[in-house]
Every structure is written in structure tokens, then in C-alpha cells.
Amino acid sequence: MGVGRVVLVAPLVLGLNGCLGLWALNAALPEVEDEPVVEAVAEAEPEPETDYLQAGKERAYNAAVMAQTASNVETWNLVAERWAQAIAQLKLVPMGHPDEAEARAKIEEYRVNLQVATTRRDALKPATAPVMSELDQFIAWVREIDPNGTIVAGAKVRDDDPDILEVTVTVGFLAQNKEVQREGAAGLQRGWALVSNPTKPDSAYLWLRTPSGKRFGGSRAIGGTLIYIDD
């Protein structure tokens, strides 16, 4: 019985020692951290250099093709824009670049073409009527209501005050009674205000003069619409 006990205890002790040994070995070993994952970064490829000379030539080609069939203001305006764009591209060629000399030569060539395009465009634009002065507008208005010149002999704007219009009347106007003269003068003042300052008619003054140049009526000093005739 004593021998049996020795035989039975020995494996148990060995087993425990084995477990303790493995535990001690694991505790003694340092913890190994996971190595960081390094992502491969692809190097960015350099952007290709812009070929400004070629870009300018392409716009110039478009302009030349369009010019062959241009026949109106709108199309010639587009042609001019293409030439201008071509010149702008060529100006971007840097100094010292192998294309610089050719680019400068093309700029001068394209400037001539741009001038031709703008000239032809402007030639097709409709002629604009000249802007009439206020005096010309008043005289034109008078000629509509007095085509035979029986009321107004002439008119001019004073040099020292462009708001004052001096109207020279005819002998036929002077032959009318005072009330008719006053009404006629009021109508002339309204016509002058219409072309000179329609929003402020009182700022448009009218002076009446006889054929000999004597002033005999017109607007009062306090307001252009206040008309009087000398007694």
C-alpha cells in the first residue's frame, strides 16, 4: 500500500510541475505587439505641361475655319473672340521656353486677323442715327405743329444758361391778341420742357423775342411754366 501511494502521487506532481513550467515560461516572455500595417503610397505622377502654343494654334484654326463662312455680325464677333482667345493662350508661353519665339510671331499674325474680323463685324452693324440735341428736338417738334413757320422764326439755347430757350417769333405771332400769345407761349414752353427736363417742367425757361430781338415775354423767374406777355 505504501508503494502504491508513491506511484500514484508522482505523475500528479509531474503534471503540476509541467503546467507551472509552461505558465512561468509564458509569463517570462515579453508581449509581442502587432506590427503596424504600412500602406504603400503611390507617388503622384507629375501633371503634363500645358502646351500653350498648341492650344493657341487650335483656337486660331477654329477662327480661320469660321471666318470662311462668316456673313453676319454675330458670326464675325465669334471669329474675333476666337482670335483673341488664341492670342491669350500664346501669351502664356513662358519666357525662355523653346516655343517662345514661335508664339511671339504667331501673336503678331493673329493680331492682324483679329483686326480684320472686328473691322468686318463693325462694317455689318446697322448705322445708328445721330443723337439729336435738345434744341434740335425742340425745333423738330415746332416744325410738326408749325410746318409753314407762321409762329416761330428761330430758337437758340442761351450760352450762359442751357435751361433757357430764346424763341424768336414771327410778325404773325405778334399780330395776335395778348391772350392768344400767352397761350401760344405756354405751348412752346411745354414743348421745351418735354425735351429738356420732362420731370421738372418748371426748370425749363422760355424767353420770347421779337424779330428785331426785343424780349417781350416768356417764363417768370420763379417758374418756367409761369408765362407772361408784356403789356
C-alpha atoms as a PDB file:
ATOM      1  CA  MET A   1       0.000   0.000   0.000  1.00  0.00           C
ATOM      2  CA  GLY A   2       2.848   2.439   0.739  1.00  0.00           C
ATOM      3  CA  VAL A   3       4.498   1.730  -2.590  1.00  0.00           C
ATOM      4  CA  GLY A   4       1.237   2.240  -4.401  1.00  0.00           C
ATOM      5  CA  ARG A   5       0.792   5.657  -2.982  1.00  0.00           C
ATOM      6  CA  VAL A   6       4.209   6.708  -4.202  1.00  0.00           C
ATOM      7  CA  VAL A   7       3.442   5.534  -7.707  1.00  0.00           C
ATOM      8  CA  LEU A   8       0.141   7.385  -7.795  1.00  0.00           C
ATOM      9  CA  VAL A   9       1.447  10.715  -6.487  1.00  0.00           C
ATOM     10  CA  ALA A  10       4.447  11.022  -8.819  1.00  0.00           C
ATOM     11  CA  PRO A  11       2.502  11.620 -12.076  1.00  0.00           C
ATOM     12  CA  LEU A  12       0.342  14.195 -10.359  1.00  0.00           C
ATOM     13  CA  VAL A  13       3.352  16.117  -9.195  1.00  0.00           C
ATOM     14  CA  LEU A  14       4.897  15.885 -12.625  1.00  0.00           C
ATOM     15  CA  GLY A  15       1.752  17.133 -14.220  1.00  0.00           C
ATOM     16  CA  LEU A  16       1.512  20.086 -11.937  1.00  0.00           C
ATOM     17  CA  ASN A  17       5.132  20.936 -12.433  1.00  0.00           C
ATOM     18  CA  GLY A  18       4.641  20.763 -16.173  1.00  0.00           C
ATOM     19  CA  CYS A  19       1.716  23.135 -16.041  1.00  0.00           C
ATOM     20  CA  LEU A  20       3.537  25.512 -13.751  1.00  0.00           C
ATOM     21  CA  GLY A  21       6.565  25.428 -16.016  1.00  0.00           C
ATOM     22  CA  LEU A  22       4.584  26.360 -19.043  1.00  0.00           C
ATOM     23  CA  TRP A  23       2.855  29.139 -17.116  1.00  0.00           C
ATOM     24  CA  ALA A  24       6.186  30.513 -15.898  1.00  0.00           C
ATOM     25  CA  LEU A  25       7.610  30.360 -19.416  1.00  0.00           C
ATOM     26  CA  ASN A  26       4.672  32.249 -20.860  1.00  0.00           C
ATOM     27  CA  ALA A  27       4.824  34.864 -18.102  1.00  0.00           C
ATOM     28  CA  ALA A  28       8.523  35.409 -18.671  1.00  0.00           C
ATOM     29  CA  LEU A  29       8.158  36.027 -22.412  1.00  0.00           C
ATOM     30  CA  PRO A  30       7.519  39.717 -23.387  1.00  0.00           C
ATOM     31  CA  GLU A  31       4.296  40.565 -25.103  1.00  0.00           C
ATOM     32  CA  VAL A  32       4.746  40.986 -28.846  1.00  0.00           C
ATOM     33  CA  GLU A  33       2.800  43.911 -30.271  1.00  0.00           C
ATOM     34  CA  ASP A  34       1.285  43.623 -33.691  1.00  0.00           C
ATOM     35  CA  GLU A  35       3.396  45.389 -36.275  1.00  0.00           C
ATOM     36  CA  PRO A  36       1.583  48.369 -37.833  1.00  0.00           C
ATOM     37  CA  VAL A  37       0.387  47.879 -41.342  1.00  0.00           C
ATOM     38  CA  VAL A  38       2.167  50.319 -43.634  1.00  0.00           C
ATOM     39  CA  GLU A  39       0.100  51.219 -46.617  1.00  0.00           C
ATOM     40  CA  ALA A  40       2.017  51.790 -49.777  1.00  0.00           C
ATOM     41  CA  VAL A  41       1.518  55.343 -51.009  1.00  0.00           C
ATOM     42  CA  ALA A  42       1.713  55.692 -54.719  1.00  0.00           C
ATOM     43  CA  GLU A  43       3.756  58.634 -55.849  1.00  0.00           C
ATOM     44  CA  ALA A  44       1.652  61.171 -57.758  1.00  0.00           C
ATOM     45  CA  GLU A  45       2.650  61.434 -61.350  1.00  0.00           C
ATOM     46  CA  PRO A  46       3.655  64.956 -62.387  1.00  0.00           C
ATOM     47  CA  GLU A  47       0.965  66.755 -64.357  1.00  0.00           C
ATOM     48  CA  PRO A  48       1.827  67.132 -68.003  1.00  0.00           C
ATOM     49  CA  GLU A  49       2.960  70.614 -69.000  1.00  0.00           C
ATOM     50  CA  THR A  50       0.275  72.608 -70.808  1.00  0.00           C
ATOM     51  CA  ASP A  51       1.121  73.146 -74.448  1.00  0.00           C
ATOM     52  CA  TYR A  52       0.022  76.777 -74.776  1.00  0.00           C
ATOM     53  CA  LEU A  53       1.401  77.050 -78.292  1.00  0.00           C
ATOM     54  CA  GLN A  54      -0.715  74.155 -79.493  1.00  0.00           C
ATOM     55  CA  ALA A  55      -3.774  75.478 -77.642  1.00  0.00           C
ATOM     56  CA  GLY A  56      -3.367  78.848 -79.332  1.00  0.00           C
ATOM     57  CA  LYS A  57      -2.998  77.258 -82.756  1.00  0.00           C
ATOM     58  CA  GLU A  58      -6.164  75.218 -82.239  1.00  0.00           C
ATOM     59  CA  ARG A  59      -8.219  78.311 -81.431  1.00  0.00           C
ATOM     60  CA  ALA A  60      -6.688  80.104 -84.385  1.00  0.00           C
ATOM     61  CA  TYR A  61      -7.648  77.211 -86.659  1.00  0.00           C
ATOM     62  CA  ASN A  62     -11.246  77.391 -85.411  1.00  0.00           C
ATOM     63  CA  ALA A  63     -11.281  81.126 -86.086  1.00  0.00           C
ATOM     64  CA  ALA A  64      -9.928  80.688 -89.615  1.00  0.00           C
ATOM     65  CA  VAL A  65     -12.489  77.998 -90.459  1.00  0.00           C
ATOM     66  CA  MET A  66     -15.365  80.049 -89.072  1.00  0.00           C
ATOM     67  CA  ALA A  67     -14.218  83.150 -90.985  1.00  0.00           C
ATOM     68  CA  GLN A  68     -14.627  81.346 -94.318  1.00  0.00           C
ATOM     69  CA  THR A  69     -18.416  81.365 -93.986  1.00  0.00           C
ATOM     70  CA  ALA A  70     -18.960  84.386 -91.719  1.00  0.00           C
ATOM     71  CA  SER A  71     -21.591  86.701 -93.152  1.00  0.00           C
ATOM     72  CA  ASN A  72     -23.217  88.498 -90.219  1.00  0.00           C
ATOM     73  CA  VAL A  73     -22.320  90.480 -87.132  1.00  0.00           C
ATOM     74  CA  GLU A  74     -22.808  87.568 -84.729  1.00  0.00           C
ATOM     75  CA  THR A  75     -20.516  85.191 -86.617  1.00  0.00           C
ATOM     76  CA  TRP A  76     -17.778  87.750 -87.136  1.00  0.00           C
ATOM     77  CA  ASN A  77     -17.982  88.550 -83.461  1.00  0.00           C
ATOM     78  CA  LEU A  78     -17.347  84.868 -82.670  1.00  0.00           C
ATOM     79  CA  VAL A  79     -14.424  84.852 -85.092  1.00  0.00           C
ATOM     80  CA  ALA A  80     -12.938  87.854 -83.324  1.00  0.00           C
ATOM     81  CA  GLU A  81     -13.383  86.126 -79.960  1.00  0.00           C
ATOM     82  CA  ARG A  82     -11.532  83.021 -81.227  1.00  0.00           C
ATOM     83  CA  TRP A  83      -8.591  85.116 -82.438  1.00  0.00           C
ATOM     84  CA  ALA A  84      -8.495  86.904 -79.099  1.00  0.00           C
ATOM     85  CA  GLN A  85      -8.524  83.562 -77.250  1.00  0.00           C
ATOM     86  CA  ALA A  86      -5.694  82.273 -79.437  1.00  0.00           C
ATOM     87  CA  ILE A  87      -3.597  85.334 -78.616  1.00  0.00           C
ATOM     88  CA  ALA A  88      -4.336  84.922 -74.912  1.00  0.00           C
ATOM     89  CA  GLN A  89      -3.091  81.310 -74.986  1.00  0.00           C
ATOM     90  CA  LEU A  90       0.118  82.241 -76.784  1.00  0.00           C
ATOM     91  CA  LYS A  91       0.851  84.926 -74.225  1.00  0.00           C
ATOM     92  CA  LEU A  92       1.011  82.171 -71.562  1.00  0.00           C
ATOM     93  CA  VAL A  93       4.120  80.632 -73.139  1.00  0.00           C
ATOM     94  CA  PRO A  94       6.817  81.413 -70.551  1.00  0.00           C
ATOM     95  CA  MET A  95       9.965  83.352 -71.357  1.00  0.00           C
ATOM     96  CA  GLY A  96      12.853  81.131 -72.264  1.00  0.00           C
ATOM     97  CA  HIS A  97      10.573  78.303 -73.377  1.00  0.00           C
ATOM     98  CA  PRO A  98      11.504  76.627 -76.686  1.00  0.00           C
ATOM     99  CA  ASP A  99       8.114  77.734 -78.103  1.00  0.00           C
ATOM    100  CA  GLU A 100       8.579  81.396 -77.124  1.00  0.00           C
ATOM    101  CA  ALA A 101       9.876  82.655 -80.472  1.00  0.00           C
ATOM    102  CA  GLU A 102       7.141  80.958 -82.487  1.00  0.00           C
ATOM    103  CA  ALA A 103       4.490  82.078 -80.019  1.00  0.00           C
ATOM    104  CA  ARG A 104       5.547  85.722 -80.306  1.00  0.00           C
ATOM    105  CA  ALA A 105       5.480  85.531 -84.094  1.00  0.00           C
ATOM    106  CA  LYS A 106       2.012  83.968 -84.053  1.00  0.00           C
ATOM    107  CA  ILE A 107       0.737  86.675 -81.713  1.00  0.00           C
ATOM    108  CA  GLU A 108       1.589  89.363 -84.259  1.00  0.00           C
ATOM    109  CA  GLU A 109      -0.012  87.332 -87.043  1.00  0.00           C
ATOM    110  CA  TYR A 110      -3.193  86.708 -85.065  1.00  0.00           C
ATOM    111  CA  ARG A 111      -3.496  90.361 -84.067  1.00  0.00           C
ATOM    112  CA  VAL A 112      -3.793  91.272 -87.740  1.00  0.00           C
ATOM    113  CA  ASN A 113      -6.500  88.646 -88.190  1.00  0.00           C
ATOM    114  CA  LEU A 114      -8.309  89.927 -85.115  1.00  0.00           C
ATOM    115  CA  GLN A 115      -8.335  93.441 -86.543  1.00  0.00           C
ATOM    116  CA  VAL A 116      -9.731  92.159 -89.843  1.00  0.00           C
ATOM    117  CA  ALA A 117     -12.507  90.281 -88.029  1.00  0.00           C
ATOM    118  CA  THR A 118     -13.516  93.278 -85.912  1.00  0.00           C
ATOM    119  CA  THR A 119     -13.467  95.573 -88.952  1.00  0.00           C
ATOM    120  CA  ARG A 120     -15.762  93.282 -90.917  1.00  0.00           C
ATOM    121  CA  ARG A 121     -18.035  92.855 -87.914  1.00  0.00           C
ATOM    122  CA  ASP A 122     -18.363  96.606 -87.397  1.00  0.00           C
ATOM    123  CA  ALA A 123     -18.987  97.174 -91.095  1.00  0.00           C
ATOM    124  CA  LEU A 124     -22.080  94.962 -90.902  1.00  0.00           C
ATOM    125  CA  LYS A 125     -23.541  96.749 -87.907  1.00  0.00           C
ATOM    126  CA  PRO A 126     -26.528  98.963 -88.748  1.00  0.00           C
ATOM    127  CA  ALA A 127     -25.773 102.649 -88.768  1.00  0.00           C
ATOM    128  CA  THR A 128     -27.033 104.386 -85.667  1.00  0.00           C
ATOM    129  CA  ALA A 129     -28.930 107.603 -86.007  1.00  0.00           C
ATOM    130  CA  PRO A 130     -27.101 110.616 -84.607  1.00  0.00           C
ATOM    131  CA  VAL A 131     -28.332 111.750 -81.233  1.00  0.00           C
ATOM    132  CA  MET A 132     -30.301 114.962 -81.581  1.00  0.00           C
ATOM    133  CA  SER A 133     -29.612 117.794 -79.203  1.00  0.00           C
ATOM    134  CA  GLU A 134     -32.406 119.169 -77.063  1.00  0.00           C
ATOM    135  CA  LEU A 135     -32.570 122.245 -79.298  1.00  0.00           C
ATOM    136  CA  ASP A 136     -32.828 120.104 -82.447  1.00  0.00           C
ATOM    137  CA  GLN A 137     -35.595 118.070 -80.834  1.00  0.00           C
ATOM    138  CA  PHE A 138     -37.499 121.233 -79.960  1.00  0.00           C
ATOM    139  CA  ILE A 139     -37.167 122.654 -83.472  1.00  0.00           C
ATOM    140  CA  ALA A 140     -38.300 119.341 -84.963  1.00  0.00           C
ATOM    141  CA  TRP A 141     -41.322 119.422 -82.673  1.00  0.00           C
ATOM    142  CA  VAL A 142     -42.115 123.025 -83.686  1.00  0.00           C
ATOM    143  CA  ARG A 143     -41.917 122.092 -87.356  1.00  0.00           C
ATOM    144  CA  GLU A 144     -44.554 119.440 -86.790  1.00  0.00           C
ATOM    145  CA  ILE A 145     -47.058 121.889 -85.300  1.00  0.00           C
ATOM    146  CA  ASP A 146     -45.939 124.884 -87.381  1.00  0.00           C
ATOM    147  CA  PRO A 147     -44.714 123.479 -90.730  1.00  0.00           C
ATOM    148  CA  ASN A 148     -45.037 126.826 -92.528  1.00  0.00           C
ATOM    149  CA  GLY A 149     -43.143 128.799 -89.906  1.00  0.00           C
ATOM    150  CA  THR A 150     -46.039 131.152 -89.094  1.00  0.00           C
ATOM    151  CA  ILE A 151     -45.334 131.138 -85.334  1.00  0.00           C
ATOM    152  CA  VAL A 152     -41.631 130.563 -84.698  1.00  0.00           C
ATOM    153  CA  ALA A 153     -38.888 132.192 -86.746  1.00  0.00           C
ATOM    154  CA  GLY A 154     -35.998 130.643 -84.819  1.00  0.00           C
ATOM    155  CA  ALA A 155     -34.729 129.395 -81.463  1.00  0.00           C
ATOM    156  CA  LYS A 156     -31.466 129.065 -79.567  1.00  0.00           C
ATOM    157  CA  VAL A 157     -30.275 127.988 -76.144  1.00  0.00           C
ATOM    158  CA  ARG A 158     -28.566 130.646 -74.079  1.00  0.00           C
ATOM    159  CA  ASP A 159     -24.827 130.076 -73.687  1.00  0.00           C
ATOM    160  CA  ASP A 160     -24.821 131.181 -70.052  1.00  0.00           C
ATOM    161  CA  ASP A 161     -27.823 129.045 -69.059  1.00  0.00           C
ATOM    162  CA  PRO A 162     -28.744 125.924 -71.089  1.00  0.00           C
ATOM    163  CA  ASP A 163     -32.128 125.725 -69.335  1.00  0.00           C
ATOM    164  CA  ILE A 164     -33.279 128.943 -71.030  1.00  0.00           C
ATOM    165  CA  LEU A 165     -34.531 128.777 -74.588  1.00  0.00           C
ATOM    166  CA  GLU A 166     -34.847 132.023 -76.535  1.00  0.00           C
ATOM    167  CA  VAL A 167     -37.575 131.819 -79.154  1.00  0.00           C
ATOM    168  CA  THR A 168     -37.880 134.429 -81.867  1.00  0.00           C
ATOM    169  CA  VAL A 169     -41.474 134.686 -83.008  1.00  0.00           C
ATOM    170  CA  THR A 170     -42.873 135.921 -86.299  1.00  0.00           C
ATOM    171  CA  VAL A 171     -44.765 139.107 -87.064  1.00  0.00           C
ATOM    172  CA  GLY A 172     -47.861 136.929 -87.432  1.00  0.00           C
ATOM    173  CA  PHE A 173     -47.458 135.801 -83.831  1.00  0.00           C
ATOM    174  CA  LEU A 174     -47.163 139.407 -82.652  1.00  0.00           C
ATOM    175  CA  ALA A 175     -50.348 140.281 -84.514  1.00  0.00           C
ATOM    176  CA  GLN A 176     -52.366 138.023 -82.219  1.00  0.00           C
ATOM    177  CA  ASN A 177     -54.009 139.366 -79.062  1.00  0.00           C
ATOM    178  CA  LYS A 178     -52.214 139.000 -75.732  1.00  0.00           C
ATOM    179  CA  GLU A 179     -54.247 136.014 -74.578  1.00  0.00           C
ATOM    180  CA  VAL A 180     -53.518 134.068 -77.773  1.00  0.00           C
ATOM    181  CA  GLN A 181     -49.833 134.996 -77.465  1.00  0.00           C
ATOM    182  CA  ARG A 182     -49.765 133.837 -73.868  1.00  0.00           C
ATOM    183  CA  GLU A 183     -51.419 130.506 -74.750  1.00  0.00           C
ATOM    184  CA  GLY A 184     -49.022 130.050 -77.671  1.00  0.00           C
ATOM    185  CA  ALA A 185     -46.027 130.823 -75.462  1.00  0.00           C
ATOM    186  CA  ALA A 186     -47.268 128.349 -72.820  1.00  0.00           C
ATOM    187  CA  GLY A 187     -47.480 125.671 -75.510  1.00  0.00           C
ATOM    188  CA  LEU A 188     -43.917 126.419 -76.645  1.00  0.00           C
ATOM    189  CA  GLN A 189     -42.697 126.215 -73.047  1.00  0.00           C
ATOM    190  CA  ARG A 190     -44.345 122.821 -72.603  1.00  0.00           C
ATOM    191  CA  GLY A 191     -42.602 121.598 -75.756  1.00  0.00           C
ATOM    192  CA  TRP A 192     -39.248 122.834 -74.472  1.00  0.00           C
ATOM    193  CA  ALA A 193     -39.785 121.216 -71.077  1.00  0.00           C
ATOM    194  CA  LEU A 194     -40.709 117.952 -72.783  1.00  0.00           C
ATOM    195  CA  VAL A 195     -37.287 117.628 -74.426  1.00  0.00           C
ATOM    196  CA  SER A 196     -35.096 119.393 -71.847  1.00  0.00           C
ATOM    197  CA  ASN A 197     -36.457 118.251 -68.486  1.00  0.00           C
ATOM    198  CA  PRO A 198     -39.805 116.421 -68.637  1.00  0.00           C
ATOM    199  CA  THR A 199     -39.786 115.528 -64.926  1.00  0.00           C
ATOM    200  CA  LYS A 200     -39.255 119.151 -63.813  1.00  0.00           C
ATOM    201  CA  PRO A 201     -41.084 121.397 -66.310  1.00  0.00           C
ATOM    202  CA  ASP A 202     -40.666 124.465 -64.091  1.00  0.00           C
ATOM    203  CA  SER A 203     -36.890 124.262 -64.642  1.00  0.00           C
ATOM    204  CA  ALA A 204     -37.331 124.789 -68.402  1.00  0.00           C
ATOM    205  CA  TYR A 205     -37.468 128.539 -69.088  1.00  0.00           C
ATOM    206  CA  LEU A 206     -38.648 130.256 -72.251  1.00  0.00           C
ATOM    207  CA  TRP A 207     -37.829 133.784 -73.386  1.00  0.00           C
ATOM    208  CA  LEU A 208     -39.778 135.347 -76.223  1.00  0.00           C
ATOM    209  CA  ARG A 209     -38.168 137.812 -78.599  1.00  0.00           C
ATOM    210  CA  THR A 210     -39.497 139.880 -81.468  1.00  0.00           C
ATOM    211  CA  PRO A 211     -37.937 139.637 -84.943  1.00  0.00           C
ATOM    212  CA  SER A 212     -35.845 142.682 -84.000  1.00  0.00           C
ATOM    213  CA  GLY A 213     -34.509 140.928 -80.863  1.00  0.00           C
ATOM    214  CA  LYS A 214     -36.544 142.663 -78.157  1.00  0.00           C
ATOM    215  CA  ARG A 215     -37.673 140.468 -75.275  1.00  0.00           C
ATOM    216  CA  PHE A 216     -41.393 140.823 -74.655  1.00  0.00           C
ATOM    217  CA  GLY A 217     -42.450 137.835 -72.555  1.00  0.00           C
ATOM    218  CA  GLY A 218     -41.870 134.256 -71.592  1.00  0.00           C
ATOM    219  CA  SER A 219     -41.270 132.481 -68.271  1.00  0.00           C
ATOM    220  CA  ARG A 220     -41.254 134.275 -64.980  1.00  0.00           C
ATOM    221  CA  ALA A 221     -38.148 133.997 -62.805  1.00  0.00           C
ATOM    222  CA  ILE A 222     -39.897 131.900 -60.152  1.00  0.00           C
ATOM    223  CA  GLY A 223     -41.004 129.142 -62.547  1.00  0.00           C
ATOM    224  CA  GLY A 224     -40.690 128.209 -66.202  1.00  0.00           C
ATOM    225  CA  THR A 225     -44.354 127.310 -66.541  1.00  0.00           C
ATOM    226  CA  LEU A 226     -45.468 130.770 -65.366  1.00  0.00           C
ATOM    227  CA  ILE A 227     -45.842 132.609 -68.684  1.00  0.00           C
ATOM    228  CA  TYR A 228     -46.380 136.338 -69.123  1.00  0.00           C
ATOM    229  CA  ILE A 229     -46.689 138.732 -72.044  1.00  0.00           C
ATOM    230  CA  ASP A 230     -45.681 142.371 -71.764  1.00  0.00           C
ATOM    231  CA  ASP A 231     -48.462 144.890 -71.930  1.00  0.00           C
END
